[in-house]
Amino acid sequence: MQQVINGMNLPTVWFLFGLSGSGKSFAGDVLSRHYGWPVYHADDDITSAMREALNTAQPFTDAMRDEFFAVLLETIRQRVSAAPDKPLIVTQGAYKQRHRDWLQARLPQIRFIWVKSDPQLIVDRLRSRRDGISVASASALTNDFEAPDPTAEVLVNDGNADDILIQFQVLLRG
């Protein structure tokens, strides 16, 4: 299902994914404020097993991810149903291609955008956080990240909200 807003066919779900510290949440918040669309930071709902893995700087297992993505799918469906007149922005690492493919097969109205950032900027962001994932945990997870194919849509997050909006507007037209 596509939504028509201001004469444009838009996906129902914009899914921002990428490495921890790449600025997915920041980009999602920028887009949400600008367009008035709801944003769901899915990392807020990771499972207790995933939280424990993060606390001990361990990578997630396939079973942990599978459980999380099953819950994530239902949460996305509920949020889309609750506000059917606006696209939903979802932010989450989605490190494995098989999970992105799995969501795409079940939500054909989803559009994935890879949020990328300079590696040193990622480390700086992680170090400056009071809560959330540590540099050590992010480093452990980085080895698990499967980059999408070279044709994937990308937002480069250098921390500038205006740059994010300009890039997103290009994606909207493309």
Protein backbone atom coordinates (compact mmCIF):
# COMPACT_ATOMS: atom_id res chain seq x y z
CA MET A 1 0.00 0.00 0.00
CA GLN A 2 1.34 3.40 -1.00
CA GLN A 3 0.14 6.73 0.33
CA VAL A 4 -0.39 9.76 -1.86
CA ILE A 5 0.73 12.94 -0.11
CA ASN A 6 1.16 16.23 -1.96
CA GLY A 7 0.84 14.37 -5.25
CA MET A 8 3.64 11.90 -4.40
CA ASN A 9 3.24 8.16 -3.91
CA LEU A 10 5.01 7.42 -0.64
CA PRO A 11 5.70 4.14 1.12
CA THR A 12 3.81 3.56 4.32
CA VAL A 13 7.03 2.81 6.23
CA TRP A 14 10.44 4.48 5.91
CA PHE A 15 12.96 2.22 7.66
CA LEU A 16 16.27 3.86 8.59
CA PHE A 17 18.95 1.27 9.35
CA GLY A 18 22.69 1.18 9.88
CA LEU A 19 25.45 0.90 12.43
CA SER A 20 25.02 1.93 16.03
CA GLY A 21 25.98 5.59 16.30
CA SER A 22 25.37 6.34 12.62
CA GLY A 23 22.56 8.69 13.61
CA LYS A 24 19.44 6.77 12.64
CA SER A 25 17.44 8.19 15.55
CA PHE A 26 18.71 11.72 14.89
CA ALA A 27 17.78 11.45 11.20
CA GLY A 28 14.38 9.95 12.07
CA ASP A 29 13.68 12.77 14.50
CA VAL A 30 14.71 15.39 11.92
CA LEU A 31 12.35 13.88 9.34
CA SER A 32 9.55 13.49 11.89
CA ARG A 33 9.73 17.13 12.94
CA HIS A 34 9.92 18.38 9.36
CA TYR A 35 7.15 16.25 7.85
CA GLY A 36 4.99 15.71 10.93
CA TRP A 37 5.22 11.94 10.53
CA PRO A 38 5.39 9.63 13.54
CA VAL A 39 8.75 8.06 14.34
CA TYR A 40 9.33 4.75 16.10
CA HIS A 41 12.78 4.11 17.56
CA ALA A 42 12.60 0.32 17.61
CA ASP A 43 15.75 -0.06 19.70
CA ASP A 44 13.60 1.11 22.61
CA ASP A 45 11.87 -2.27 22.43
CA ILE A 46 14.79 -4.70 22.12
CA THR A 47 14.35 -7.92 24.06
CA SER A 48 15.81 -8.54 27.51
CA ALA A 49 18.25 -11.06 26.01
CA MET A 50 19.48 -8.39 23.60
CA ARG A 51 19.88 -5.89 26.46
CA GLU A 52 21.96 -8.41 28.37
CA ALA A 53 24.15 -9.04 25.32
CA LEU A 54 24.72 -5.29 24.97
CA ASN A 55 25.59 -4.97 28.66
CA THR A 56 28.27 -7.65 28.28
CA ALA A 57 29.52 -6.41 24.86
CA GLN A 58 28.42 -9.66 23.21
CA PRO A 59 27.00 -9.94 19.69
CA PHE A 60 23.36 -10.84 19.21
CA THR A 61 22.51 -14.40 18.24
CA ASP A 62 20.31 -15.28 15.28
CA ALA A 63 17.63 -16.46 17.72
CA MET A 64 17.68 -13.09 19.51
CA ARG A 65 17.30 -11.22 16.25
CA ASP A 66 14.58 -13.53 14.93
CA GLU A 67 12.51 -13.04 18.10
CA PHE A 68 12.98 -9.27 17.95
CA PHE A 69 12.02 -8.95 14.28
CA ALA A 70 8.83 -10.97 14.78
CA VAL A 71 7.78 -8.51 17.49
CA LEU A 72 8.99 -5.55 15.42
CA LEU A 73 6.80 -6.58 12.48
CA GLU A 74 3.68 -6.63 14.64
CA THR A 75 4.58 -3.32 16.27
CA ILE A 76 5.04 -1.66 12.87
CA ARG A 77 1.69 -3.03 11.69
CA GLN A 78 -0.03 -1.70 14.82
CA ARG A 79 1.53 1.74 14.47
CA VAL A 80 0.64 1.98 10.78
CA SER A 81 -2.96 1.01 11.60
CA ALA A 82 -3.09 3.62 14.37
CA ALA A 83 -2.09 6.45 12.00
CA PRO A 84 -2.96 5.30 8.47
CA ASP A 85 -2.90 8.83 7.04
CA LYS A 86 0.83 9.38 7.66
CA PRO A 87 3.96 7.43 6.78
CA LEU A 88 5.77 5.86 9.72
CA ILE A 89 9.50 6.37 10.20
CA VAL A 90 11.22 3.42 11.89
CA THR A 91 14.81 3.52 13.14
CA GLN A 92 16.65 0.30 13.94
CA GLY A 93 20.03 -1.24 13.11
CA ALA A 94 18.64 -4.18 11.09
CA TYR A 95 22.19 -5.51 10.75
CA LYS A 96 21.30 -8.64 8.77
CA GLN A 97 20.13 -8.58 5.16
CA ARG A 98 17.91 -11.59 5.79
CA HIS A 99 15.90 -9.58 8.34
CA ARG A 100 15.54 -6.64 5.97
CA ASP A 101 14.40 -9.09 3.27
CA TRP A 102 12.05 -10.77 5.74
CA LEU A 103 10.40 -7.45 6.61
CA GLN A 104 10.19 -6.46 2.93
CA ALA A 105 8.39 -9.72 2.11
CA ARG A 106 5.82 -9.05 4.84
CA LEU A 107 5.55 -5.27 4.42
CA PRO A 108 5.75 -4.50 0.70
CA GLN A 109 5.05 -0.85 1.54
CA ILE A 110 8.40 -0.50 3.37
CA ARG A 111 11.35 1.47 1.99
CA PHE A 112 14.80 0.95 3.50
CA ILE A 113 17.35 3.75 3.80
CA TRP A 114 20.89 3.02 4.95
CA VAL A 115 22.09 5.74 7.34
CA LYS A 116 25.86 6.05 7.10
CA SER A 117 28.33 8.24 8.93
CA ASP A 118 32.06 8.75 9.21
CA PRO A 119 33.54 6.00 11.48
CA GLN A 120 35.26 8.50 13.78
CA LEU A 121 32.05 10.49 14.13
CA ILE A 122 30.28 7.26 15.12
CA VAL A 123 32.85 6.60 17.85
CA ASP A 124 32.57 10.21 19.07
CA ARG A 125 28.77 9.93 19.22
CA LEU A 126 28.90 6.66 21.14
CA ARG A 127 31.40 8.07 23.65
CA SER A 128 29.23 11.12 24.29
CA ARG A 129 26.10 9.12 25.12
CA ARG A 130 24.96 8.89 28.71
CA ASP A 131 22.71 5.91 28.04
CA GLY A 132 22.56 3.32 25.35
CA ILE A 133 25.09 1.20 23.58
CA SER A 134 28.74 1.47 24.57
CA VAL A 135 31.65 1.76 22.15
CA ALA A 136 32.67 -1.81 23.05
CA SER A 137 29.18 -3.20 22.37
CA ALA A 138 28.90 -1.25 19.12
CA SER A 139 32.28 -2.55 18.07
CA ALA A 140 31.19 -6.14 18.74
CA LEU A 141 28.05 -5.58 16.67
CA THR A 142 29.88 -3.90 13.79
CA ASN A 143 31.32 -7.24 12.73
CA ASP A 144 27.74 -8.53 12.33
CA PHE A 145 26.59 -5.75 10.01
CA GLU A 146 25.79 -6.83 6.46
CA ALA A 147 25.93 -3.89 4.09
CA PRO A 148 23.14 -3.82 1.51
CA ASP A 149 23.87 -4.02 -2.17
CA PRO A 150 25.45 -0.97 -3.84
CA THR A 151 22.10 0.24 -5.18
CA ALA A 152 20.70 0.80 -1.67
CA GLU A 153 19.35 4.23 -0.87
CA VAL A 154 21.65 6.09 1.51
CA LEU A 155 21.46 9.06 3.85
CA VAL A 156 24.85 10.34 4.99
CA ASN A 157 24.51 11.75 8.48
CA ASP A 158 27.15 14.31 9.34
CA GLY A 159 24.99 15.72 12.13
CA ASN A 160 23.52 18.51 10.01
CA ALA A 161 19.70 18.44 9.96
CA ASP A 162 19.51 20.53 6.79
CA ASP A 163 21.77 18.07 4.95
CA ILE A 164 19.54 15.18 6.03
CA LEU A 165 16.44 16.98 4.74
CA ILE A 166 18.07 17.78 1.41
CA GLN A 167 19.17 14.18 0.92
CA PHE A 168 15.73 12.87 1.89
CA GLN A 169 14.01 15.22 -0.52
CA VAL A 170 16.16 13.73 -3.29
CA LEU A 171 15.07 10.25 -2.19
CA LEU A 172 11.43 11.37 -2.21
CA ARG A 173 11.71 12.50 -5.82
CA GLY A 174 13.65 9.41 -6.91
